[in-house]
Amino acid sequence: MPRSRIILSLVVSVFAVSLAQAQTSPAEDHFRRDFPLQPGGTVFVKNYKGLIRIEAADSDQAGVEVKKIWEGHSANQRDQWLREVEVNFNSDPKRLDVRVEYPNHSCFWNCDEWGGRVELVMHVPRQANIEIDGYKPEINISGIRGDVRIHSYKSAIEVRDTTGGIEVDTYKDRIVLENVALRGPLRIHDYKAETEVRARELGDGADLDTSRGAIRLQVPADSRFNVDISGDRRADIRSDFEAHVDAGWSRHITGAVNGGGPEVRIHTDRGTVALLKSGTGSL
């Protein structure tokens, strides 16, 4: 075979391998932005899917790392998607807004082969209030000393080592609040999420509501609160704390725990509820 033809064949082979790799490996666009933010300011994040991770830092600014990840197969569509997906910022010293805008394309066939996700990793002042709006991003928040509010449809949610109020409104998936000091209200509303709460203190009490999910709330044994747990006849509810139990068509546990205190209300229709003392077992 002539040498020129051999060289041409090698070039074609290398091009084909490169093209195949480009079509099967996720492409990403990665950048970072920094914004001044006063302690006590508010961080609002909107991301339809992907990741929202917020970590506390001893700083007077917020850093945002953005990673756009393509999940389809077409190199042409990948480039188009990377161009069209936008991450918009609006900031002043008291508030930072981060909003991800995804391209809106009609899809009727092989929809999973077109599109991607955006991952946001943020470091914000430790004393900050967090507001999140997302359809199905993974959500992780840690170390914050401020209020946390989350609205989603089916996000896996983890909030750890925080101090402040927490509000979560979601439909399903998993909610984990680990080592949280509730200095403010705890409100969780879901349809069939798996909810686990390990609280160092209850602050202003709690209002937890599910339909077919599971709620496990664990608090120190010497906590003082008034409890009101209710469910229909298909609910499974129990408490480690001494309280009055009404059995019958519906289940109902009420009473003052350790002399009483803030109201702790938990309701389920067909789900399960467990109110546990810290150190008595795994959730």
C-alpha atoms as a PDB file:
ATOM      1  CA  MET A   1       0.000   0.000   0.000  1.00  0.00           C
ATOM      2  CA  PRO A   2       1.373   3.437  -0.923  1.00  0.00           C
ATOM      3  CA  ARG A   3       2.690   5.439   2.024  1.00  0.00           C
ATOM      4  CA  SER A   4       0.278   8.319   1.347  1.00  0.00           C
ATOM      5  CA  ARG A   5      -2.693   5.976   1.571  1.00  0.00           C
ATOM      6  CA  ILE A   6      -1.427   4.534   4.878  1.00  0.00           C
ATOM      7  CA  ILE A   7      -1.079   8.029   6.336  1.00  0.00           C
ATOM      8  CA  LEU A   8      -4.563   8.936   5.124  1.00  0.00           C
ATOM      9  CA  SER A   9      -6.012   5.802   6.753  1.00  0.00           C
ATOM     10  CA  LEU A  10      -4.333   6.624  10.050  1.00  0.00           C
ATOM     11  CA  VAL A  11      -5.687  10.183   9.966  1.00  0.00           C
ATOM     12  CA  VAL A  12      -9.207   8.917   9.272  1.00  0.00           C
ATOM     13  CA  SER A  13      -8.957   6.375  12.117  1.00  0.00           C
ATOM     14  CA  VAL A  14      -7.748   8.974  14.600  1.00  0.00           C
ATOM     15  CA  PHE A  15     -10.551  11.336  13.539  1.00  0.00           C
ATOM     16  CA  ALA A  16     -13.157   8.596  13.941  1.00  0.00           C
ATOM     17  CA  VAL A  17     -11.926   7.706  17.436  1.00  0.00           C
ATOM     18  CA  SER A  18     -11.894  11.379  18.471  1.00  0.00           C
ATOM     19  CA  LEU A  19     -15.396  11.868  17.111  1.00  0.00           C
ATOM     20  CA  ALA A  20     -16.678   8.800  18.986  1.00  0.00           C
ATOM     21  CA  GLN A  21     -15.126  10.019  22.225  1.00  0.00           C
ATOM     22  CA  ALA A  22     -16.631  13.472  21.759  1.00  0.00           C
ATOM     23  CA  GLN A  23     -20.049  11.962  21.241  1.00  0.00           C
ATOM     24  CA  THR A  24     -19.985   9.612  24.243  1.00  0.00           C
ATOM     25  CA  SER A  25     -18.077  11.621  26.899  1.00  0.00           C
ATOM     26  CA  PRO A  26     -19.962  14.358  28.779  1.00  0.00           C
ATOM     27  CA  ALA A  27     -18.673  17.803  27.828  1.00  0.00           C
ATOM     28  CA  GLU A  28     -18.545  20.517  30.464  1.00  0.00           C
ATOM     29  CA  ASP A  29     -18.017  24.233  30.706  1.00  0.00           C
ATOM     30  CA  HIS A  30     -16.532  25.273  34.041  1.00  0.00           C
ATOM     31  CA  PHE A  31     -16.108  28.799  35.462  1.00  0.00           C
ATOM     32  CA  ARG A  32     -16.202  30.707  38.757  1.00  0.00           C
ATOM     33  CA  ARG A  33     -17.632  34.026  39.909  1.00  0.00           C
ATOM     34  CA  ASP A  34     -17.130  35.894  43.217  1.00  0.00           C
ATOM     35  CA  PHE A  35     -19.480  38.479  44.740  1.00  0.00           C
ATOM     36  CA  PRO A  36     -19.320  40.614  47.908  1.00  0.00           C
ATOM     37  CA  LEU A  37     -21.991  39.548  50.411  1.00  0.00           C
ATOM     38  CA  GLN A  38     -22.501  40.843  53.910  1.00  0.00           C
ATOM     39  CA  PRO A  39     -22.980  38.377  56.789  1.00  0.00           C
ATOM     40  CA  GLY A  40     -26.728  38.008  57.301  1.00  0.00           C
ATOM     41  CA  GLY A  41     -27.427  38.454  53.598  1.00  0.00           C
ATOM     42  CA  THR A  42     -29.636  36.206  51.490  1.00  0.00           C
ATOM     43  CA  VAL A  43     -28.574  33.749  48.790  1.00  0.00           C
ATOM     44  CA  PHE A  44     -31.295  32.710  46.314  1.00  0.00           C
ATOM     45  CA  VAL A  45     -30.599  29.844  43.906  1.00  0.00           C
ATOM     46  CA  LYS A  46     -32.786  28.495  41.122  1.00  0.00           C
ATOM     47  CA  ASN A  47     -31.674  25.379  39.246  1.00  0.00           C
ATOM     48  CA  TYR A  48     -34.023  22.921  37.545  1.00  0.00           C
ATOM     49  CA  LYS A  49     -31.722  19.902  37.881  1.00  0.00           C
ATOM     50  CA  GLY A  50     -28.127  18.961  38.532  1.00  0.00           C
ATOM     51  CA  LEU A  51     -26.575  20.011  41.827  1.00  0.00           C
ATOM     52  CA  ILE A  52     -26.828  22.837  44.354  1.00  0.00           C
ATOM     53  CA  ARG A  53     -24.160  22.582  47.038  1.00  0.00           C
ATOM     54  CA  ILE A  54     -23.771  25.439  49.526  1.00  0.00           C
ATOM     55  CA  GLU A  55     -21.035  25.422  52.162  1.00  0.00           C
ATOM     56  CA  ALA A  56     -20.381  28.015  54.860  1.00  0.00           C
ATOM     57  CA  ALA A  57     -17.117  29.953  54.875  1.00  0.00           C
ATOM     58  CA  ASP A  58     -15.635  32.585  57.167  1.00  0.00           C
ATOM     59  CA  SER A  59     -15.712  35.245  54.474  1.00  0.00           C
ATOM     60  CA  ASP A  60     -17.451  38.445  53.377  1.00  0.00           C
ATOM     61  CA  GLN A  61     -18.024  37.207  49.848  1.00  0.00           C
ATOM     62  CA  ALA A  62     -19.791  34.413  47.992  1.00  0.00           C
ATOM     63  CA  GLY A  63     -17.979  32.225  45.507  1.00  0.00           C
ATOM     64  CA  VAL A  64     -19.916  30.335  42.836  1.00  0.00           C
ATOM     65  CA  GLU A  65     -18.377  27.522  40.794  1.00  0.00           C
ATOM     66  CA  VAL A  66     -20.434  26.605  37.735  1.00  0.00           C
ATOM     67  CA  LYS A  67     -20.095  23.378  35.793  1.00  0.00           C
ATOM     68  CA  LYS A  68     -22.245  22.754  32.716  1.00  0.00           C
ATOM     69  CA  ILE A  69     -22.362  19.058  31.881  1.00  0.00           C
ATOM     70  CA  TRP A  70     -23.687  17.754  28.555  1.00  0.00           C
ATOM     71  CA  GLU A  71     -25.379  14.342  28.749  1.00  0.00           C
ATOM     72  CA  GLY A  72     -26.387  13.727  25.155  1.00  0.00           C
ATOM     73  CA  HIS A  73     -24.587  12.126  22.204  1.00  0.00           C
ATOM     74  CA  SER A  74     -24.478  14.693  19.424  1.00  0.00           C
ATOM     75  CA  ALA A  75     -21.459  17.022  19.291  1.00  0.00           C
ATOM     76  CA  ASN A  76     -23.475  19.625  17.395  1.00  0.00           C
ATOM     77  CA  GLN A  77     -26.287  19.557  19.942  1.00  0.00           C
ATOM     78  CA  ARG A  78     -23.726  19.665  22.743  1.00  0.00           C
ATOM     79  CA  ASP A  79     -22.216  22.893  21.451  1.00  0.00           C
ATOM     80  CA  GLN A  80     -25.671  24.381  20.973  1.00  0.00           C
ATOM     81  CA  TRP A  81     -26.747  23.413  24.489  1.00  0.00           C
ATOM     82  CA  LEU A  82     -23.588  24.801  26.089  1.00  0.00           C
ATOM     83  CA  ARG A  83     -24.158  28.086  24.276  1.00  0.00           C
ATOM     84  CA  GLU A  84     -27.843  28.346  25.158  1.00  0.00           C
ATOM     85  CA  VAL A  85     -27.874  27.325  28.825  1.00  0.00           C
ATOM     86  CA  GLU A  86     -27.354  30.473  30.882  1.00  0.00           C
ATOM     87  CA  VAL A  87     -26.350  31.109  34.473  1.00  0.00           C
ATOM     88  CA  ASN A  88     -27.457  34.599  35.454  1.00  0.00           C
ATOM     89  CA  PHE A  89     -26.261  36.534  38.489  1.00  0.00           C
ATOM     90  CA  ASN A  90     -27.785  39.525  40.231  1.00  0.00           C
ATOM     91  CA  SER A  91     -26.049  40.787  43.344  1.00  0.00           C
ATOM     92  CA  ASP A  92     -25.726  43.543  45.903  1.00  0.00           C
ATOM     93  CA  PRO A  93     -24.044  43.452  49.333  1.00  0.00           C
ATOM     94  CA  LYS A  94     -27.213  42.062  50.971  1.00  0.00           C
ATOM     95  CA  ARG A  95     -28.455  39.578  48.358  1.00  0.00           C
ATOM     96  CA  LEU A  96     -27.133  37.256  45.671  1.00  0.00           C
ATOM     97  CA  ASP A  97     -29.429  35.687  43.064  1.00  0.00           C
ATOM     98  CA  VAL A  98     -28.169  32.778  40.936  1.00  0.00           C
ATOM     99  CA  ARG A  99     -30.560  31.502  38.283  1.00  0.00           C
ATOM    100  CA  VAL A 100     -29.940  28.761  35.726  1.00  0.00           C
ATOM    101  CA  GLU A 101     -31.949  29.089  32.526  1.00  0.00           C
ATOM    102  CA  TYR A 102     -32.099  25.932  30.393  1.00  0.00           C
ATOM    103  CA  PRO A 103     -32.837  25.925  26.647  1.00  0.00           C
ATOM    104  CA  ASN A 104     -36.469  25.214  25.847  1.00  0.00           C
ATOM    105  CA  HIS A 105     -36.606  22.667  23.010  1.00  0.00           C
ATOM    106  CA  SER A 106     -39.569  20.522  22.066  1.00  0.00           C
ATOM    107  CA  CYS A 107     -38.754  16.833  22.307  1.00  0.00           C
ATOM    108  CA  PHE A 108     -40.872  13.855  21.231  1.00  0.00           C
ATOM    109  CA  TRP A 109     -38.370  11.003  20.817  1.00  0.00           C
ATOM    110  CA  ASN A 110     -35.165   9.969  22.659  1.00  0.00           C
ATOM    111  CA  CYS A 111     -35.447  13.010  24.907  1.00  0.00           C
ATOM    112  CA  ASP A 112     -32.793  11.712  27.304  1.00  0.00           C
ATOM    113  CA  GLU A 113     -30.208  12.000  24.537  1.00  0.00           C
ATOM    114  CA  TRP A 114     -30.568  15.781  24.364  1.00  0.00           C
ATOM    115  CA  GLY A 115     -29.663  18.174  27.129  1.00  0.00           C
ATOM    116  CA  GLY A 116     -27.594  18.259  30.264  1.00  0.00           C
ATOM    117  CA  ARG A 117     -27.376  19.577  33.794  1.00  0.00           C
ATOM    118  CA  VAL A 118     -25.693  22.367  35.716  1.00  0.00           C
ATOM    119  CA  GLU A 119     -23.790  21.867  38.957  1.00  0.00           C
ATOM    120  CA  LEU A 120     -23.405  24.818  41.332  1.00  0.00           C
ATOM    121  CA  VAL A 121     -20.919  24.667  44.202  1.00  0.00           C
ATOM    122  CA  MET A 122     -21.066  27.762  46.400  1.00  0.00           C
ATOM    123  CA  HIS A 123     -19.128  29.043  49.408  1.00  0.00           C
ATOM    124  CA  VAL A 124     -21.012  31.778  51.226  1.00  0.00           C
ATOM    125  CA  PRO A 125     -20.650  33.709  54.518  1.00  0.00           C
ATOM    126  CA  ARG A 126     -21.463  31.492  57.483  1.00  0.00           C
ATOM    127  CA  GLN A 127     -24.210  33.886  58.606  1.00  0.00           C
ATOM    128  CA  ALA A 128     -26.434  33.735  55.535  1.00  0.00           C
ATOM    129  CA  ASN A 129     -30.047  32.944  54.720  1.00  0.00           C
ATOM    130  CA  ILE A 130     -30.595  30.409  51.942  1.00  0.00           C
ATOM    131  CA  GLU A 131     -33.543  30.145  49.532  1.00  0.00           C
ATOM    132  CA  ILE A 132     -33.617  27.399  46.886  1.00  0.00           C
ATOM    133  CA  ASP A 133     -36.058  26.704  44.056  1.00  0.00           C
ATOM    134  CA  GLY A 134     -35.512  23.595  41.948  1.00  0.00           C
ATOM    135  CA  TYR A 135     -37.410  20.778  40.279  1.00  0.00           C
ATOM    136  CA  LYS A 136     -34.991  17.874  40.853  1.00  0.00           C
ATOM    137  CA  PRO A 137     -31.480  19.040  41.709  1.00  0.00           C
ATOM    138  CA  GLU A 138     -29.482  17.319  44.405  1.00  0.00           C
ATOM    139  CA  ILE A 139     -29.320  19.798  47.294  1.00  0.00           C
ATOM    140  CA  ASN A 140     -26.603  19.897  49.972  1.00  0.00           C
ATOM    141  CA  ILE A 141     -26.269  22.672  52.578  1.00  0.00           C
ATOM    142  CA  SER A 142     -23.806  22.669  55.479  1.00  0.00           C
ATOM    143  CA  GLY A 143     -22.537  24.947  58.229  1.00  0.00           C
ATOM    144  CA  ILE A 144     -24.975  27.817  57.729  1.00  0.00           C
ATOM    145  CA  ARG A 145     -26.089  30.026  60.623  1.00  0.00           C
ATOM    146  CA  GLY A 146     -29.284  31.372  59.141  1.00  0.00           C
ATOM    147  CA  ASP A 147     -32.682  30.333  57.836  1.00  0.00           C
ATOM    148  CA  VAL A 148     -32.968  27.742  55.057  1.00  0.00           C
ATOM    149  CA  ARG A 149     -35.970  27.534  52.706  1.00  0.00           C
ATOM    150  CA  ILE A 150     -36.200  24.878  49.987  1.00  0.00           C
ATOM    151  CA  HIS A 151     -38.895  24.303  47.368  1.00  0.00           C
ATOM    152  CA  SER A 152     -38.562  21.364  44.991  1.00  0.00           C
ATOM    153  CA  TYR A 153     -40.430  18.474  43.393  1.00  0.00           C
ATOM    154  CA  LYS A 154     -38.193  15.407  43.854  1.00  0.00           C
ATOM    155  CA  SER A 155     -34.817  16.502  45.129  1.00  0.00           C
ATOM    156  CA  ALA A 156     -32.540  14.544  47.423  1.00  0.00           C
ATOM    157  CA  ILE A 157     -31.995  17.094  50.207  1.00  0.00           C
ATOM    158  CA  GLU A 158     -29.308  17.147  52.901  1.00  0.00           C
ATOM    159  CA  VAL A 159     -28.909  19.947  55.455  1.00  0.00           C
ATOM    160  CA  ARG A 160     -26.123  19.473  58.005  1.00  0.00           C
ATOM    161  CA  ASP A 161     -24.617  21.328  60.963  1.00  0.00           C
ATOM    162  CA  THR A 162     -26.814  24.419  60.633  1.00  0.00           C
ATOM    163  CA  THR A 163     -28.318  26.855  63.127  1.00  0.00           C
ATOM    164  CA  GLY A 164     -31.611  28.567  62.259  1.00  0.00           C
ATOM    165  CA  GLY A 165     -35.082  27.862  60.937  1.00  0.00           C
ATOM    166  CA  ILE A 166     -35.666  25.299  58.176  1.00  0.00           C
ATOM    167  CA  GLU A 167     -38.587  25.054  55.745  1.00  0.00           C
ATOM    168  CA  VAL A 168     -38.877  22.350  53.071  1.00  0.00           C
ATOM    169  CA  ASP A 169     -41.712  21.912  50.578  1.00  0.00           C
ATOM    170  CA  THR A 170     -41.275  18.951  48.239  1.00  0.00           C
ATOM    171  CA  TYR A 171     -43.200  16.042  46.741  1.00  0.00           C
ATOM    172  CA  LYS A 172     -40.941  13.022  47.154  1.00  0.00           C
ATOM    173  CA  ASP A 173     -37.393  11.652  47.448  1.00  0.00           C
ATOM    174  CA  ARG A 174     -35.285  11.941  50.608  1.00  0.00           C
ATOM    175  CA  ILE A 175     -34.815  14.688  53.217  1.00  0.00           C
ATOM    176  CA  VAL A 176     -32.003  14.467  55.776  1.00  0.00           C
ATOM    177  CA  LEU A 177     -31.494  17.153  58.430  1.00  0.00           C
ATOM    178  CA  GLU A 178     -28.420  16.164  60.435  1.00  0.00           C
ATOM    179  CA  ASN A 179     -27.144  17.874  63.601  1.00  0.00           C
ATOM    180  CA  VAL A 180     -29.337  20.949  63.185  1.00  0.00           C
ATOM    181  CA  ALA A 181     -30.038  23.511  65.921  1.00  0.00           C
ATOM    182  CA  LEU A 182     -33.520  24.832  65.199  1.00  0.00           C
ATOM    183  CA  ARG A 183     -33.517  28.441  66.313  1.00  0.00           C
ATOM    184  CA  GLY A 184     -36.610  29.242  64.357  1.00  0.00           C
ATOM    185  CA  PRO A 185     -39.456  27.106  63.010  1.00  0.00           C
ATOM    186  CA  LEU A 186     -39.018  23.682  61.419  1.00  0.00           C
ATOM    187  CA  ARG A 187     -41.611  23.137  58.691  1.00  0.00           C
ATOM    188  CA  ILE A 188     -41.597  20.211  56.281  1.00  0.00           C
ATOM    189  CA  HIS A 189     -44.422  19.431  53.874  1.00  0.00           C
ATOM    190  CA  ASP A 190     -44.220  16.519  51.441  1.00  0.00           C
ATOM    191  CA  TYR A 191     -46.344  13.810  49.865  1.00  0.00           C
ATOM    192  CA  LYS A 192     -44.172  10.675  50.070  1.00  0.00           C
ATOM    193  CA  ALA A 193     -40.648  11.700  50.980  1.00  0.00           C
ATOM    194  CA  GLU A 194     -38.425   9.818  53.427  1.00  0.00           C
ATOM    195  CA  THR A 195     -37.639  12.401  56.125  1.00  0.00           C
ATOM    196  CA  GLU A 196     -34.998  12.045  58.845  1.00  0.00           C
ATOM    197  CA  VAL A 197     -34.341  14.871  61.329  1.00  0.00           C
ATOM    198  CA  ARG A 198     -31.688  14.800  64.047  1.00  0.00           C
ATOM    199  CA  ALA A 199     -32.005  18.066  65.971  1.00  0.00           C
ATOM    200  CA  ARG A 200     -29.844  19.440  68.760  1.00  0.00           C
ATOM    201  CA  GLU A 201     -32.692  21.725  69.843  1.00  0.00           C
ATOM    202  CA  LEU A 202     -36.219  22.524  68.700  1.00  0.00           C
ATOM    203  CA  GLY A 203     -36.306  26.325  68.943  1.00  0.00           C
ATOM    204  CA  ASP A 204     -39.803  27.432  67.934  1.00  0.00           C
ATOM    205  CA  GLY A 205     -41.155  23.908  67.521  1.00  0.00           C
ATOM    206  CA  ALA A 206     -41.959  21.888  64.426  1.00  0.00           C
ATOM    207  CA  ASP A 207     -44.729  21.341  61.875  1.00  0.00           C
ATOM    208  CA  LEU A 208     -44.178  18.188  59.805  1.00  0.00           C
ATOM    209  CA  ASP A 209     -46.725  16.869  57.338  1.00  0.00           C
ATOM    210  CA  THR A 210     -46.668  13.915  54.949  1.00  0.00           C
ATOM    211  CA  SER A 211     -49.232  11.761  53.188  1.00  0.00           C
ATOM    212  CA  ARG A 212     -47.518   8.456  52.386  1.00  0.00           C
ATOM    213  CA  GLY A 213     -43.944   9.156  53.409  1.00  0.00           C
ATOM    214  CA  ALA A 214     -41.958   8.448  56.553  1.00  0.00           C
ATOM    215  CA  ILE A 215     -40.989  10.986  59.231  1.00  0.00           C
ATOM    216  CA  ARG A 216     -38.375  10.235  61.894  1.00  0.00           C
ATOM    217  CA  LEU A 217     -37.631  13.050  64.313  1.00  0.00           C
ATOM    218  CA  GLN A 218     -34.879  12.550  66.880  1.00  0.00           C
ATOM    219  CA  VAL A 219     -34.296  15.090  69.686  1.00  0.00           C
ATOM    220  CA  PRO A 220     -32.410  15.083  73.028  1.00  0.00           C
ATOM    221  CA  ALA A 221     -34.154  13.156  75.792  1.00  0.00           C
ATOM    222  CA  ASP A 222     -34.412  16.275  78.003  1.00  0.00           C
ATOM    223  CA  SER A 223     -36.150  18.381  75.335  1.00  0.00           C
ATOM    224  CA  ARG A 224     -39.210  20.321  76.519  1.00  0.00           C
ATOM    225  CA  PHE A 225     -42.127  20.558  74.088  1.00  0.00           C
ATOM    226  CA  ASN A 226     -45.816  19.861  73.542  1.00  0.00           C
ATOM    227  CA  VAL A 227     -46.403  17.008  71.129  1.00  0.00           C
ATOM    228  CA  ASP A 228     -49.320  16.402  68.771  1.00  0.00           C
ATOM    229  CA  ILE A 229     -48.917  13.426  66.409  1.00  0.00           C
ATOM    230  CA  SER A 230     -51.891  12.302  64.340  1.00  0.00           C
ATOM    231  CA  GLY A 231     -52.654   9.828  61.574  1.00  0.00           C
ATOM    232  CA  ASP A 232     -55.498   7.813  60.136  1.00  0.00           C
ATOM    233  CA  ARG A 233     -56.075   4.106  60.842  1.00  0.00           C
ATOM    234  CA  ARG A 234     -53.501   3.098  58.206  1.00  0.00           C
ATOM    235  CA  ALA A 235     -50.751   5.215  59.768  1.00  0.00           C
ATOM    236  CA  ASP A 236     -47.952   3.766  61.892  1.00  0.00           C
ATOM    237  CA  ILE A 237     -46.937   6.205  64.657  1.00  0.00           C
ATOM    238  CA  ARG A 238     -44.840   5.798  67.794  1.00  0.00           C
ATOM    239  CA  SER A 239     -43.015   7.924  70.357  1.00  0.00           C
ATOM    240  CA  ASP A 240     -40.192   7.313  72.830  1.00  0.00           C
ATOM    241  CA  PHE A 241     -41.555  10.158  74.967  1.00  0.00           C
ATOM    242  CA  GLU A 242     -44.371   9.639  77.453  1.00  0.00           C
ATOM    243  CA  ALA A 243     -47.592  11.194  76.195  1.00  0.00           C
ATOM    244  CA  HIS A 244     -51.320  10.471  75.988  1.00  0.00           C
ATOM    245  CA  VAL A 245     -52.293   8.001  73.255  1.00  0.00           C
ATOM    246  CA  ASP A 246     -55.761   7.803  71.720  1.00  0.00           C
ATOM    247  CA  ALA A 247     -56.364   4.536  69.871  1.00  0.00           C
ATOM    248  CA  GLY A 248     -59.289   3.909  67.586  1.00  0.00           C
ATOM    249  CA  TRP A 249     -60.274   4.775  64.039  1.00  0.00           C
ATOM    250  CA  SER A 250     -57.375   7.218  63.985  1.00  0.00           C
ATOM    251  CA  ARG A 251     -54.127   7.353  65.947  1.00  0.00           C
ATOM    252  CA  HIS A 252     -53.363  10.387  68.097  1.00  0.00           C
ATOM    253  CA  ILE A 253     -50.508  11.122  70.528  1.00  0.00           C
ATOM    254  CA  THR A 254     -50.640  14.334  72.551  1.00  0.00           C
ATOM    255  CA  GLY A 255     -49.109  15.711  75.700  1.00  0.00           C
ATOM    256  CA  ALA A 256     -46.541  17.894  77.410  1.00  0.00           C
ATOM    257  CA  VAL A 257     -43.037  16.420  77.304  1.00  0.00           C
ATOM    258  CA  ASN A 258     -40.707  17.256  80.212  1.00  0.00           C
ATOM    259  CA  GLY A 259     -43.078  19.993  81.355  1.00  0.00           C
ATOM    260  CA  GLY A 260     -43.983  21.293  77.882  1.00  0.00           C
ATOM    261  CA  GLY A 261     -42.655  23.943  75.552  1.00  0.00           C
ATOM    262  CA  PRO A 262     -42.928  24.797  71.859  1.00  0.00           C
ATOM    263  CA  GLU A 263     -45.481  22.911  69.770  1.00  0.00           C
ATOM    264  CA  VAL A 264     -44.300  19.876  67.802  1.00  0.00           C
ATOM    265  CA  ARG A 265     -47.010  18.825  65.350  1.00  0.00           C
ATOM    266  CA  ILE A 266     -46.597  15.816  63.068  1.00  0.00           C
ATOM    267  CA  HIS A 267     -49.332  14.530  60.745  1.00  0.00           C
ATOM    268  CA  THR A 268     -49.496  11.654  58.298  1.00  0.00           C
ATOM    269  CA  ASP A 269     -52.252   9.918  56.364  1.00  0.00           C
ATOM    270  CA  ARG A 270     -50.874   6.512  55.393  1.00  0.00           C
ATOM    271  CA  GLY A 271     -47.225   6.993  56.304  1.00  0.00           C
ATOM    272  CA  THR A 272     -45.076   6.288  59.339  1.00  0.00           C
ATOM    273  CA  VAL A 273     -43.964   8.592  62.160  1.00  0.00           C
ATOM    274  CA  ALA A 274     -41.329   7.964  64.823  1.00  0.00           C
ATOM    275  CA  LEU A 275     -40.449  10.483  67.540  1.00  0.00           C
ATOM    276  CA  LEU A 276     -37.219   9.289  69.123  1.00  0.00           C
ATOM    277  CA  LYS A 277     -34.832  10.232  71.896  1.00  0.00           C
ATOM    278  CA  SER A 278     -31.232  10.855  70.905  1.00  0.00           C
ATOM    279  CA  GLY A 279     -29.033   7.886  71.629  1.00  0.00           C
ATOM    280  CA  THR A 280     -31.846   5.298  71.669  1.00  0.00           C
ATOM    281  CA  GLY A 281     -31.116   3.843  68.294  1.00  0.00           C
ATOM    282  CA  SER A 282     -30.596   4.476  64.631  1.00  0.00           C
ATOM    283  CA  LEU A 283     -33.117   6.349  62.565  1.00  0.00           C
END
